Amino acid sequence: MSKLIHTMIRVQDLQRSLDFYQKAFDLGVAHRLDFPDFTLAYLRNDETHAELELTWNKGRAEPYTHGDGYGHVAVSVPDVKAERERLIALGLAPNDVREFRNDDGSLIARYFFIQDPDGYKIEVLERHGHYE
């Protein structure tokens, strides 16, 4: 059986991205590999073993494009509204909280999106139902 271990995104400014992910999601560097032309930084916290790999190609000046294939990375939190307020207090800019509901009005999901410094979308979902 396979096990998801990491998702990789390319970043233009490694320190700026490390600061964002630490501040926004308490993700710290679990493993780092520095090479002459690039650096790989693997981020995680105590909540999960899956990692977000940040790849920094040294010397690249132009921003990366996301094309039409990238969607988002998702994280879950106990309380979406409180998390959004915390991020705003940190000077970040999360979008508004939204909800999906069944026809009977029961909650499917409560969430918001935020973008990292390179424009990658991150969905922040409340721990509920499928998203526990």
Protein backbone atom coordinates (compact mmCIF):
# COMPACT_ATOMS: atom_id res chain seq x y z
CA MET A 1 0.00 0.00 0.00
CA SER A 2 1.30 3.46 -0.83
CA LYS A 3 1.68 6.33 1.62
CA LEU A 4 1.56 10.01 0.66
CA ILE A 5 4.81 11.59 1.89
CA HIS A 6 5.01 15.05 0.30
CA THR A 7 3.76 17.55 -2.24
CA MET A 8 6.29 19.81 -3.98
CA ILE A 9 5.96 23.40 -5.11
CA ARG A 10 8.60 25.70 -6.58
CA VAL A 11 9.22 28.99 -4.80
CA GLN A 12 11.07 32.11 -5.87
CA ASP A 13 12.24 33.32 -2.46
CA LEU A 14 12.87 30.45 -0.04
CA GLN A 15 13.11 32.51 3.14
CA ARG A 16 9.93 34.44 2.35
CA SER A 17 8.09 31.14 1.80
CA LEU A 18 9.55 29.54 4.94
CA ASP A 19 8.41 32.56 6.96
CA PHE A 20 4.90 32.40 5.47
CA TYR A 21 4.36 28.67 6.09
CA GLN A 22 5.75 28.94 9.63
CA LYS A 23 3.58 31.93 10.48
CA ALA A 24 0.41 30.77 8.71
CA PHE A 25 0.41 27.02 9.40
CA ASP A 26 3.15 26.34 11.97
CA LEU A 27 5.08 24.29 9.39
CA GLY A 28 8.78 24.09 10.15
CA VAL A 29 11.71 22.60 8.29
CA ALA A 30 11.89 18.87 9.03
CA HIS A 31 14.62 18.18 6.48
CA ARG A 32 16.69 20.39 4.20
CA LEU A 33 19.00 19.56 1.32
CA ASP A 34 21.24 22.31 -0.07
CA PHE A 35 22.86 21.84 -3.46
CA PRO A 36 24.85 24.32 -5.57
CA ASP A 37 21.91 25.09 -7.90
CA PHE A 38 18.85 24.39 -5.73
CA THR A 39 17.59 23.78 -2.21
CA LEU A 40 14.86 21.41 -1.04
CA ALA A 41 13.12 22.25 2.24
CA TYR A 42 10.60 19.74 3.62
CA LEU A 43 8.04 21.30 5.96
CA ARG A 44 5.73 19.69 8.52
CA ASN A 45 4.39 20.02 12.04
CA ASP A 46 3.31 17.69 14.83
CA GLU A 47 -0.17 17.26 13.32
CA THR A 48 0.99 15.36 10.24
CA HIS A 49 3.75 13.27 8.75
CA ALA A 50 3.07 14.33 5.17
CA GLU A 51 5.34 17.16 4.12
CA LEU A 52 5.25 20.18 1.85
CA GLU A 53 8.47 20.30 -0.17
CA LEU A 54 9.60 23.78 -1.19
CA THR A 55 12.02 23.72 -4.12
CA TRP A 56 14.11 26.85 -4.59
CA ASN A 57 16.04 27.00 -7.87
CA LYS A 58 18.85 29.44 -7.11
CA GLY A 59 19.35 32.26 -9.56
CA ARG A 60 15.87 32.16 -11.06
CA ALA A 61 14.59 35.70 -11.49
CA GLU A 62 11.19 35.27 -13.15
CA PRO A 63 8.16 34.03 -11.19
CA TYR A 64 6.79 30.55 -11.84
CA THR A 65 3.54 30.12 -13.69
CA HIS A 66 0.89 27.81 -12.30
CA GLY A 67 -0.76 27.02 -15.61
CA ASP A 68 -4.27 25.66 -15.56
CA GLY A 69 -3.44 22.38 -13.83
CA TYR A 70 -2.58 23.42 -10.28
CA GLY A 71 -5.52 23.59 -7.88
CA HIS A 72 -4.58 23.89 -4.23
CA VAL A 73 -3.08 22.29 -1.16
CA ALA A 74 -5.45 21.79 1.79
CA VAL A 75 -4.95 21.89 5.55
CA SER A 76 -7.51 21.31 8.31
CA VAL A 77 -8.00 23.30 11.51
CA PRO A 78 -10.36 22.93 14.49
CA ASP A 79 -12.12 26.29 13.93
CA VAL A 80 -12.03 27.99 10.52
CA LYS A 81 -13.43 31.33 11.70
CA ALA A 82 -10.89 31.61 14.53
CA GLU A 83 -8.07 30.57 12.18
CA ARG A 84 -9.07 33.22 9.64
CA GLU A 85 -9.05 35.89 12.37
CA ARG A 86 -5.61 34.71 13.54
CA LEU A 87 -4.23 35.00 10.02
CA ILE A 88 -5.69 38.49 9.59
CA ALA A 89 -4.09 39.53 12.90
CA LEU A 90 -0.74 38.33 11.49
CA GLY A 91 -1.16 40.69 8.54
CA LEU A 92 -2.09 37.97 6.05
CA ALA A 93 -5.03 38.16 3.65
CA PRO A 94 -7.31 35.10 3.77
CA ASN A 95 -10.47 35.09 1.67
CA ASP A 96 -13.94 34.96 3.24
CA VAL A 97 -15.26 31.83 4.95
CA ARG A 98 -17.59 29.77 2.77
CA GLU A 99 -19.72 26.70 3.37
CA PHE A 100 -20.99 23.71 1.41
CA ARG A 101 -24.29 22.27 2.64
CA ASN A 102 -26.44 19.27 1.73
CA ASP A 103 -30.00 19.74 0.43
CA ASP A 104 -31.24 19.24 4.00
CA GLY A 105 -29.06 22.12 5.23
CA SER A 106 -26.51 19.97 7.06
CA LEU A 107 -22.91 21.14 6.85
CA ILE A 108 -20.58 19.39 4.40
CA ALA A 109 -17.61 21.74 4.69
CA ARG A 110 -16.61 25.15 6.07
CA TYR A 111 -13.48 26.65 4.53
CA PHE A 112 -11.55 29.61 3.15
CA PHE A 113 -8.61 30.07 0.81
CA ILE A 114 -5.37 31.98 1.25
CA GLN A 115 -2.45 32.40 -1.16
CA ASP A 116 1.22 31.97 -0.31
CA PRO A 117 3.88 34.48 -1.48
CA ASP A 118 4.18 32.71 -4.85
CA GLY A 119 0.43 32.71 -5.46
CA TYR A 120 -0.22 29.06 -4.58
CA LYS A 121 -3.72 28.58 -3.22
CA ILE A 122 -4.17 26.88 0.14
CA GLU A 123 -7.59 25.72 1.28
CA VAL A 124 -8.16 25.86 5.03
CA LEU A 125 -10.95 23.44 6.02
CA GLU A 126 -12.63 23.05 9.37
CA ARG A 127 -12.23 19.57 10.85
CA HIS A 128 -15.65 18.13 10.21
CA GLY A 129 -17.00 15.03 8.51
CA HIS A 130 -14.68 13.88 5.75
CA TYR A 131 -12.14 16.57 6.72
CA GLU A 132 -11.50 15.42 10.32
